[in-house]
Amino acid sequence: MFKKIFSAFNREQPPQKEVTQVINVYDAVLAHRAWKTRLMDYLEGRSKENLQPAKICVDNLCVLGKWIHSDGKVKFGEQPVFTTLVGEHAKFHVQAAKVVEAHQAGDAALAQNILTGSFDEQSRKTVMCLAKLHALVEKDNQQFEDQ
């Protein structure tokens, strides 16, 4: 499972579906991985997107964020790994917004440093939380099936 999630960062083949009853963790990882490409394209002038830091920093607009702040909170709100995911995911969006803010302020070097530094680190932390939450769900599912 962890191998599949981490392989999403360097995959050569199309994504495979891995569905849990909770959220498709694999798709959530891929969606957040795609942010780096979007940001790189934006910084290098290959994107026509109108990226707005005020919207990017909001953590409940993406699919994962919507789930975190609704069904996820109901099902896992008391779990420490979920609480950590909430915080790390929010920080991920803040870092993405900072990349765009720096670029729009004309500081290309700072934007690149954030992208390859704190943004990358926050991305890794968010993915690790997703992997841990998925492992918890799989463990619970296995215990339920064993009964």
N, C-alpha and C. Protein backbone atom coordinates (compact mmCIF):
# COMPACT_ATOMS: atom_id res chain seq x y z
N MET A 1 0.82 -1.19 0.00
CA MET A 1 0.00 0.00 0.00
C MET A 1 0.86 1.25 0.00
N PHE A 2 1.82 1.35 0.95
CA PHE A 2 2.68 2.52 1.00
C PHE A 2 3.46 2.65 -0.29
N LYS A 3 3.91 1.51 -0.83
CA LYS A 3 4.67 1.52 -2.07
C LYS A 3 3.85 2.13 -3.19
N LYS A 4 2.57 1.80 -3.25
CA LYS A 4 1.70 2.34 -4.30
C LYS A 4 1.53 3.84 -4.14
N ILE A 5 1.35 4.30 -2.90
CA ILE A 5 1.17 5.73 -2.68
C ILE A 5 2.43 6.48 -3.05
N PHE A 6 3.58 6.01 -2.56
CA PHE A 6 4.81 6.72 -2.84
C PHE A 6 5.20 6.60 -4.30
N SER A 7 4.81 5.52 -4.97
CA SER A 7 5.12 5.38 -6.39
C SER A 7 4.35 6.42 -7.21
N ALA A 8 3.29 6.98 -6.64
CA ALA A 8 2.53 8.00 -7.34
C ALA A 8 3.38 9.23 -7.63
N PHE A 9 4.44 9.42 -6.84
CA PHE A 9 5.30 10.57 -7.06
C PHE A 9 6.22 10.37 -8.26
N ASN A 10 6.45 9.14 -8.65
CA ASN A 10 7.37 8.86 -9.76
C ASN A 10 6.78 7.87 -10.74
N ARG A 11 5.48 7.85 -10.89
CA ARG A 11 4.87 6.81 -11.71
C ARG A 11 5.04 7.08 -13.19
N GLU A 12 5.13 5.99 -13.94
CA GLU A 12 5.24 6.06 -15.39
C GLU A 12 3.94 5.59 -16.03
N GLN A 13 3.13 4.85 -15.30
CA GLN A 13 1.93 4.25 -15.87
C GLN A 13 0.69 4.97 -15.36
N PRO A 14 -0.46 4.77 -16.01
CA PRO A 14 -1.68 5.45 -15.58
C PRO A 14 -2.08 4.99 -14.19
N PRO A 15 -2.77 5.88 -13.44
CA PRO A 15 -3.15 5.52 -12.09
C PRO A 15 -4.12 4.34 -12.06
N GLN A 16 -3.96 3.52 -11.04
CA GLN A 16 -4.88 2.42 -10.83
C GLN A 16 -5.82 2.83 -9.70
N LYS A 17 -7.04 2.37 -9.78
CA LYS A 17 -8.02 2.71 -8.75
C LYS A 17 -7.78 1.86 -7.51
N GLU A 18 -7.77 2.51 -6.40
CA GLU A 18 -7.69 1.82 -5.12
C GLU A 18 -8.72 2.51 -4.23
N VAL A 19 -9.84 1.88 -4.08
CA VAL A 19 -10.95 2.52 -3.41
C VAL A 19 -11.12 1.93 -2.01
N THR A 20 -11.31 2.82 -1.06
CA THR A 20 -11.70 2.39 0.27
C THR A 20 -13.11 2.91 0.48
N GLN A 21 -13.72 2.50 1.54
CA GLN A 21 -15.06 2.98 1.84
C GLN A 21 -15.02 4.43 2.30
N VAL A 22 -13.84 4.94 2.54
CA VAL A 22 -13.70 6.26 3.12
C VAL A 22 -13.45 7.31 2.04
N ILE A 23 -12.34 7.21 1.37
CA ILE A 23 -11.94 8.15 0.32
C ILE A 23 -10.91 7.42 -0.54
N ASN A 24 -10.83 7.78 -1.77
CA ASN A 24 -9.84 7.16 -2.63
C ASN A 24 -8.50 7.85 -2.34
N VAL A 25 -7.71 7.21 -1.49
CA VAL A 25 -6.45 7.78 -1.04
C VAL A 25 -5.50 7.98 -2.21
N TYR A 26 -5.46 7.02 -3.09
CA TYR A 26 -4.55 7.09 -4.24
C TYR A 26 -4.86 8.32 -5.09
N ASP A 27 -6.15 8.56 -5.37
CA ASP A 27 -6.53 9.73 -6.14
C ASP A 27 -6.22 11.03 -5.39
N ALA A 28 -6.39 11.03 -4.07
CA ALA A 28 -6.07 12.21 -3.27
C ALA A 28 -4.58 12.52 -3.36
N VAL A 29 -3.75 11.49 -3.30
CA VAL A 29 -2.31 11.68 -3.43
C VAL A 29 -1.98 12.24 -4.82
N LEU A 30 -2.56 11.66 -5.84
CA LEU A 30 -2.28 12.13 -7.21
C LEU A 30 -2.74 13.58 -7.41
N ALA A 31 -3.87 13.92 -6.85
CA ALA A 31 -4.39 15.28 -6.99
C ALA A 31 -3.45 16.29 -6.33
N HIS A 32 -2.93 15.93 -5.17
CA HIS A 32 -2.03 16.85 -4.48
C HIS A 32 -0.65 16.86 -5.13
N ARG A 33 -0.26 15.75 -5.70
CA ARG A 33 1.00 15.69 -6.46
C ARG A 33 0.91 16.60 -7.69
N ALA A 34 -0.27 16.64 -8.29
CA ALA A 34 -0.46 17.45 -9.49
C ALA A 34 -0.27 18.94 -9.21
N TRP A 35 -0.44 19.34 -7.96
CA TRP A 35 -0.23 20.75 -7.63
C TRP A 35 1.19 21.20 -7.94
N LYS A 36 2.16 20.34 -7.72
CA LYS A 36 3.55 20.74 -8.00
C LYS A 36 3.72 21.03 -9.49
N THR A 37 3.15 20.18 -10.31
CA THR A 37 3.22 20.39 -11.76
C THR A 37 2.50 21.68 -12.14
N ARG A 38 1.32 21.90 -11.57
CA ARG A 38 0.57 23.12 -11.86
C ARG A 38 1.38 24.36 -11.49
N LEU A 39 2.00 24.30 -10.31
CA LEU A 39 2.78 25.44 -9.84
C LEU A 39 4.03 25.65 -10.68
N MET A 40 4.70 24.55 -11.04
CA MET A 40 5.89 24.67 -11.89
C MET A 40 5.51 25.29 -13.25
N ASP A 41 4.43 24.80 -13.83
CA ASP A 41 3.96 25.36 -15.11
C ASP A 41 3.64 26.85 -14.97
N TYR A 42 3.03 27.21 -13.86
CA TYR A 42 2.68 28.61 -13.60
C TYR A 42 3.95 29.47 -13.49
N LEU A 43 4.92 28.99 -12.72
CA LEU A 43 6.16 29.74 -12.53
C LEU A 43 6.94 29.89 -13.83
N GLU A 44 6.87 28.87 -14.67
CA GLU A 44 7.65 28.88 -15.91
C GLU A 44 6.87 29.45 -17.10
N GLY A 45 5.68 29.99 -16.84
CA GLY A 45 4.92 30.65 -17.89
C GLY A 45 4.21 29.72 -18.85
N ARG A 46 4.09 28.45 -18.50
CA ARG A 46 3.41 27.49 -19.39
C ARG A 46 1.93 27.34 -19.05
N SER A 47 1.46 28.09 -18.10
CA SER A 47 0.08 27.98 -17.65
C SER A 47 -0.65 29.29 -17.87
N LYS A 48 -1.87 29.17 -18.29
CA LYS A 48 -2.74 30.34 -18.46
C LYS A 48 -3.72 30.45 -17.30
N GLU A 49 -3.53 29.57 -16.29
CA GLU A 49 -4.43 29.58 -15.13
C GLU A 49 -4.35 30.91 -14.39
N ASN A 50 -5.46 31.32 -13.88
CA ASN A 50 -5.52 32.50 -13.04
C ASN A 50 -5.49 32.03 -11.58
N LEU A 51 -4.31 31.68 -11.11
CA LEU A 51 -4.19 31.18 -9.74
C LEU A 51 -4.29 32.32 -8.74
N GLN A 52 -5.14 32.12 -7.76
CA GLN A 52 -5.41 33.16 -6.77
C GLN A 52 -5.04 32.64 -5.38
N PRO A 53 -4.03 33.23 -4.76
CA PRO A 53 -3.59 32.76 -3.45
C PRO A 53 -4.72 32.69 -2.42
N ALA A 54 -5.64 33.63 -2.48
CA ALA A 54 -6.74 33.64 -1.50
C ALA A 54 -7.63 32.40 -1.62
N LYS A 55 -7.73 31.85 -2.81
CA LYS A 55 -8.51 30.62 -3.00
C LYS A 55 -7.66 29.38 -2.75
N ILE A 56 -6.41 29.43 -3.19
CA ILE A 56 -5.53 28.26 -3.03
C ILE A 56 -5.33 27.92 -1.57
N CYS A 57 -5.23 28.92 -0.71
CA CYS A 57 -4.93 28.66 0.70
C CYS A 57 -6.13 28.09 1.47
N VAL A 58 -7.28 28.06 0.86
CA VAL A 58 -8.47 27.50 1.52
C VAL A 58 -8.42 25.98 1.35
N ASP A 59 -8.41 25.28 2.46
CA ASP A 59 -8.19 23.83 2.41
C ASP A 59 -9.45 22.99 2.26
N ASN A 60 -10.61 23.61 2.11
CA ASN A 60 -11.83 22.81 1.99
C ASN A 60 -12.49 22.93 0.61
N LEU A 61 -11.71 23.32 -0.39
CA LEU A 61 -12.26 23.44 -1.74
C LEU A 61 -11.92 22.23 -2.61
N CYS A 62 -10.83 21.53 -2.31
CA CYS A 62 -10.46 20.33 -3.07
C CYS A 62 -11.27 19.13 -2.56
N VAL A 63 -11.24 18.05 -3.30
CA VAL A 63 -12.01 16.85 -2.93
C VAL A 63 -11.60 16.35 -1.54
N LEU A 64 -10.29 16.27 -1.31
CA LEU A 64 -9.84 15.81 0.01
C LEU A 64 -10.29 16.76 1.11
N GLY A 65 -10.15 18.04 0.88
CA GLY A 65 -10.56 19.02 1.89
C GLY A 65 -12.04 18.96 2.19
N LYS A 66 -12.84 18.78 1.15
CA LYS A 66 -14.29 18.65 1.37
C LYS A 66 -14.59 17.43 2.22
N TRP A 67 -13.90 16.32 1.94
CA TRP A 67 -14.09 15.10 2.71
C TRP A 67 -13.61 15.29 4.15
N ILE A 68 -12.45 15.90 4.31
CA ILE A 68 -11.89 16.12 5.66
C ILE A 68 -12.87 16.90 6.52
N HIS A 69 -13.49 17.92 5.95
CA HIS A 69 -14.35 18.80 6.73
C HIS A 69 -15.81 18.34 6.77
N SER A 70 -16.08 17.14 6.26
CA SER A 70 -17.45 16.60 6.33
C SER A 70 -17.40 15.16 6.81
N ASP A 71 -17.54 14.20 5.88
CA ASP A 71 -17.60 12.79 6.27
C ASP A 71 -16.37 12.33 7.04
N GLY A 72 -15.21 12.79 6.63
CA GLY A 72 -13.99 12.39 7.33
C GLY A 72 -14.00 12.80 8.79
N LYS A 73 -14.45 14.02 9.03
CA LYS A 73 -14.52 14.53 10.40
C LYS A 73 -15.50 13.71 11.24
N VAL A 74 -16.61 13.35 10.62
CA VAL A 74 -17.61 12.56 11.33
C VAL A 74 -17.06 11.17 11.67
N LYS A 75 -16.40 10.54 10.70
CA LYS A 75 -15.94 9.17 10.88
C LYS A 75 -14.64 9.06 11.67
N PHE A 76 -13.74 10.04 11.51
CA PHE A 76 -12.40 9.91 12.07
C PHE A 76 -11.95 11.08 12.93
N GLY A 77 -12.84 11.99 13.22
CA GLY A 77 -12.48 13.21 13.94
C GLY A 77 -11.75 13.01 15.25
N GLU A 78 -11.95 11.88 15.89
CA GLU A 78 -11.30 11.60 17.18
C GLU A 78 -9.95 10.90 17.02
N GLN A 79 -9.62 10.48 15.82
CA GLN A 79 -8.36 9.76 15.59
C GLN A 79 -7.19 10.74 15.48
N PRO A 80 -6.11 10.51 16.21
CA PRO A 80 -4.96 11.42 16.13
C PRO A 80 -4.39 11.57 14.72
N VAL A 81 -4.37 10.48 13.96
CA VAL A 81 -3.83 10.58 12.59
C VAL A 81 -4.71 11.48 11.73
N PHE A 82 -6.00 11.47 11.97
CA PHE A 82 -6.89 12.35 11.21
C PHE A 82 -6.66 13.81 11.61
N THR A 83 -6.54 14.05 12.89
CA THR A 83 -6.28 15.41 13.37
C THR A 83 -4.99 15.96 12.76
N THR A 84 -3.98 15.10 12.68
CA THR A 84 -2.72 15.51 12.05
C THR A 84 -2.93 15.79 10.57
N LEU A 85 -3.68 14.95 9.89
CA LEU A 85 -3.97 15.16 8.48
C LEU A 85 -4.64 16.51 8.25
N VAL A 86 -5.59 16.86 9.08
CA VAL A 86 -6.29 18.14 8.93
C VAL A 86 -5.28 19.29 8.92
N GLY A 87 -4.38 19.28 9.89
CA GLY A 87 -3.39 20.36 9.98
C GLY A 87 -2.40 20.36 8.84
N GLU A 88 -1.89 19.19 8.49
CA GLU A 88 -0.89 19.10 7.42
C GLU A 88 -1.49 19.48 6.07
N HIS A 89 -2.72 19.07 5.84
CA HIS A 89 -3.39 19.41 4.58
C HIS A 89 -3.61 20.92 4.48
N ALA A 90 -4.01 21.54 5.58
CA ALA A 90 -4.19 23.00 5.58
C ALA A 90 -2.86 23.70 5.30
N LYS A 91 -1.78 23.22 5.90
CA LYS A 91 -0.46 23.82 5.67
C LYS A 91 -0.02 23.63 4.21
N PHE A 92 -0.38 22.50 3.62
CA PHE A 92 -0.08 22.25 2.21
C PHE A 92 -0.66 23.38 1.35
N HIS A 93 -1.91 23.71 1.59
CA HIS A 93 -2.56 24.74 0.80
C HIS A 93 -1.95 26.12 1.06
N VAL A 94 -1.55 26.38 2.28
CA VAL A 94 -0.89 27.65 2.60
C VAL A 94 0.43 27.76 1.82
N GLN A 95 1.20 26.68 1.79
CA GLN A 95 2.48 26.71 1.07
C GLN A 95 2.27 26.90 -0.43
N ALA A 96 1.25 26.23 -0.98
CA ALA A 96 0.95 26.41 -2.41
C ALA A 96 0.61 27.87 -2.69
N ALA A 97 -0.18 28.47 -1.82
CA ALA A 97 -0.55 29.88 -1.99
C ALA A 97 0.68 30.78 -1.90
N LYS A 98 1.62 30.45 -1.02
CA LYS A 98 2.83 31.26 -0.88
C LYS A 98 3.68 31.23 -2.14
N VAL A 99 3.71 30.09 -2.82
CA VAL A 99 4.44 30.01 -4.10
C VAL A 99 3.85 31.02 -5.08
N VAL A 100 2.54 31.03 -5.20
CA VAL A 100 1.87 31.93 -6.14
C VAL A 100 2.05 33.39 -5.71
N GLU A 101 1.93 33.65 -4.42
CA GLU A 101 2.11 35.02 -3.92
C GLU A 101 3.51 35.56 -4.27
N ALA A 102 4.52 34.74 -4.04
CA ALA A 102 5.90 35.17 -4.33
C ALA A 102 6.07 35.45 -5.82
N HIS A 103 5.52 34.58 -6.63
CA HIS A 103 5.61 34.76 -8.09
C HIS A 103 4.91 36.05 -8.52
N GLN A 104 3.71 36.25 -8.00
CA GLN A 104 2.95 37.44 -8.38
C GLN A 104 3.60 38.72 -7.86
N ALA A 105 4.40 38.62 -6.81
CA ALA A 105 5.13 39.78 -6.29
C ALA A 105 6.43 40.02 -7.06
N GLY A 106 6.71 39.13 -8.03
CA GLY A 106 7.89 39.30 -8.85
C GLY A 106 9.14 38.66 -8.29
N ASP A 107 9.00 37.86 -7.25
CA ASP A 107 10.17 37.21 -6.64
C ASP A 107 10.23 35.75 -7.07
N ALA A 108 10.75 35.53 -8.28
CA ALA A 108 10.81 34.19 -8.85
C ALA A 108 11.69 33.26 -8.03
N ALA A 109 12.79 33.78 -7.50
CA ALA A 109 13.70 32.94 -6.70
C ALA A 109 13.00 32.45 -5.44
N LEU A 110 12.28 33.32 -4.76
CA LEU A 110 11.56 32.92 -3.55
C LEU A 110 10.48 31.90 -3.89
N ALA A 111 9.75 32.14 -4.97
CA ALA A 111 8.70 31.20 -5.38
C ALA A 111 9.29 29.82 -5.62
N GLN A 112 10.41 29.76 -6.31
CA GLN A 112 11.07 28.48 -6.59
C GLN A 112 11.57 27.83 -5.30
N ASN A 113 12.12 28.63 -4.39
CA ASN A 113 12.60 28.09 -3.11
C ASN A 113 11.46 27.51 -2.28
N ILE A 114 10.35 28.19 -2.26
CA ILE A 114 9.19 27.67 -1.52
C ILE A 114 8.70 26.38 -2.16
N LEU A 115 8.62 26.38 -3.49
CA LEU A 115 8.14 25.20 -4.21
C LEU A 115 9.00 23.97 -3.91
N THR A 116 10.31 24.14 -3.96
CA THR A 116 11.20 22.99 -3.78
C THR A 116 11.57 22.75 -2.32
N GLY A 117 11.14 23.65 -1.45
CA GLY A 117 11.45 23.52 -0.03
C GLY A 117 10.22 23.20 0.80
N SER A 118 9.63 24.23 1.35
CA SER A 118 8.51 24.03 2.29
C SER A 118 7.28 23.42 1.63
N PHE A 119 7.03 23.75 0.37
CA PHE A 119 5.89 23.13 -0.32
C PHE A 119 6.11 21.62 -0.47
N ASP A 120 7.30 21.23 -0.96
CA ASP A 120 7.61 19.80 -1.09
C ASP A 120 7.50 19.08 0.25
N GLU A 121 8.03 19.69 1.29
CA GLU A 121 7.98 19.07 2.62
C GLU A 121 6.53 18.91 3.08
N GLN A 122 5.72 19.92 2.88
CA GLN A 122 4.32 19.83 3.28
C GLN A 122 3.58 18.80 2.46
N SER A 123 3.92 18.67 1.20
CA SER A 123 3.32 17.65 0.36
C SER A 123 3.64 16.26 0.90
N ARG A 124 4.91 16.03 1.26
CA ARG A 124 5.30 14.73 1.82
C ARG A 124 4.56 14.44 3.13
N LYS A 125 4.42 15.43 3.97
CA LYS A 125 3.73 15.24 5.25
C LYS A 125 2.25 14.90 5.02
N THR A 126 1.63 15.57 4.07
CA THR A 126 0.23 15.30 3.77
C THR A 126 0.05 13.88 3.24
N VAL A 127 0.93 13.47 2.34
CA VAL A 127 0.86 12.12 1.79
C VAL A 127 1.09 11.08 2.89
N MET A 128 2.01 11.33 3.78
CA MET A 128 2.28 10.38 4.87
C MET A 128 1.04 10.25 5.77
N CYS A 129 0.38 11.35 6.04
CA CYS A 129 -0.85 11.28 6.85
C CYS A 129 -1.93 10.48 6.12
N LEU A 130 -2.05 10.68 4.83
CA LEU A 130 -3.02 9.91 4.05
C LEU A 130 -2.70 8.42 4.11
N ALA A 131 -1.43 8.09 4.00
CA ALA A 131 -1.02 6.68 4.05
C ALA A 131 -1.34 6.08 5.42
N LYS A 132 -1.08 6.82 6.47
CA LYS A 132 -1.37 6.33 7.82
C LYS A 132 -2.87 6.17 8.05
N LEU A 133 -3.65 7.12 7.56
CA LEU A 133 -5.10 7.01 7.69
C LEU A 133 -5.61 5.81 6.91
N HIS A 134 -5.08 5.61 5.73
CA HIS A 134 -5.48 4.46 4.92
C HIS A 134 -5.14 3.15 5.65
N ALA A 135 -3.98 3.09 6.25
CA ALA A 135 -3.57 1.89 7.00
C ALA A 135 -4.53 1.63 8.16
N LEU A 136 -4.96 2.69 8.82
CA LEU A 136 -5.91 2.55 9.92
C LEU A 136 -7.24 2.00 9.42
N VAL A 137 -7.71 2.52 8.29
CA VAL A 137 -8.97 2.05 7.71
C VAL A 137 -8.85 0.59 7.30
N GLU A 138 -7.75 0.23 6.67
CA GLU A 138 -7.54 -1.16 6.26
C GLU A 138 -7.49 -2.08 7.46
N LYS A 139 -6.86 -1.66 8.53
CA LYS A 139 -6.79 -2.47 9.75
C LYS A 139 -8.20 -2.68 10.32
N ASP A 140 -8.97 -1.60 10.38
CA ASP A 140 -10.35 -1.70 10.87
C ASP A 140 -11.19 -2.61 9.97
N ASN A 141 -11.02 -2.48 8.67
CA ASN A 141 -11.76 -3.33 7.73
C ASN A 141 -11.39 -4.80 7.92
N GLN A 142 -10.11 -5.07 8.12
CA GLN A 142 -9.65 -6.44 8.32
C GLN A 142 -10.22 -7.02 9.61
N GLN A 143 -10.23 -6.24 10.66
CA GLN A 143 -10.80 -6.72 11.93
C GLN A 143 -12.27 -6.99 11.79
N PHE A 144 -12.99 -6.16 11.02
CA PHE A 144 -14.41 -6.36 10.79
C PHE A 144 -14.65 -7.64 10.00
N GLU A 145 -13.82 -7.88 8.98
CA GLU A 145 -13.96 -9.08 8.15
C GLU A 145 -13.63 -10.35 8.94
N ASP A 146 -12.72 -10.25 9.90
CA ASP A 146 -12.31 -11.41 10.69
C ASP A 146 -13.38 -11.82 11.71
N GLN A 147 -14.33 -10.94 11.96
CA GLN A 147 -15.37 -11.26 12.97
C GLN A 147 -16.42 -12.18 12.41
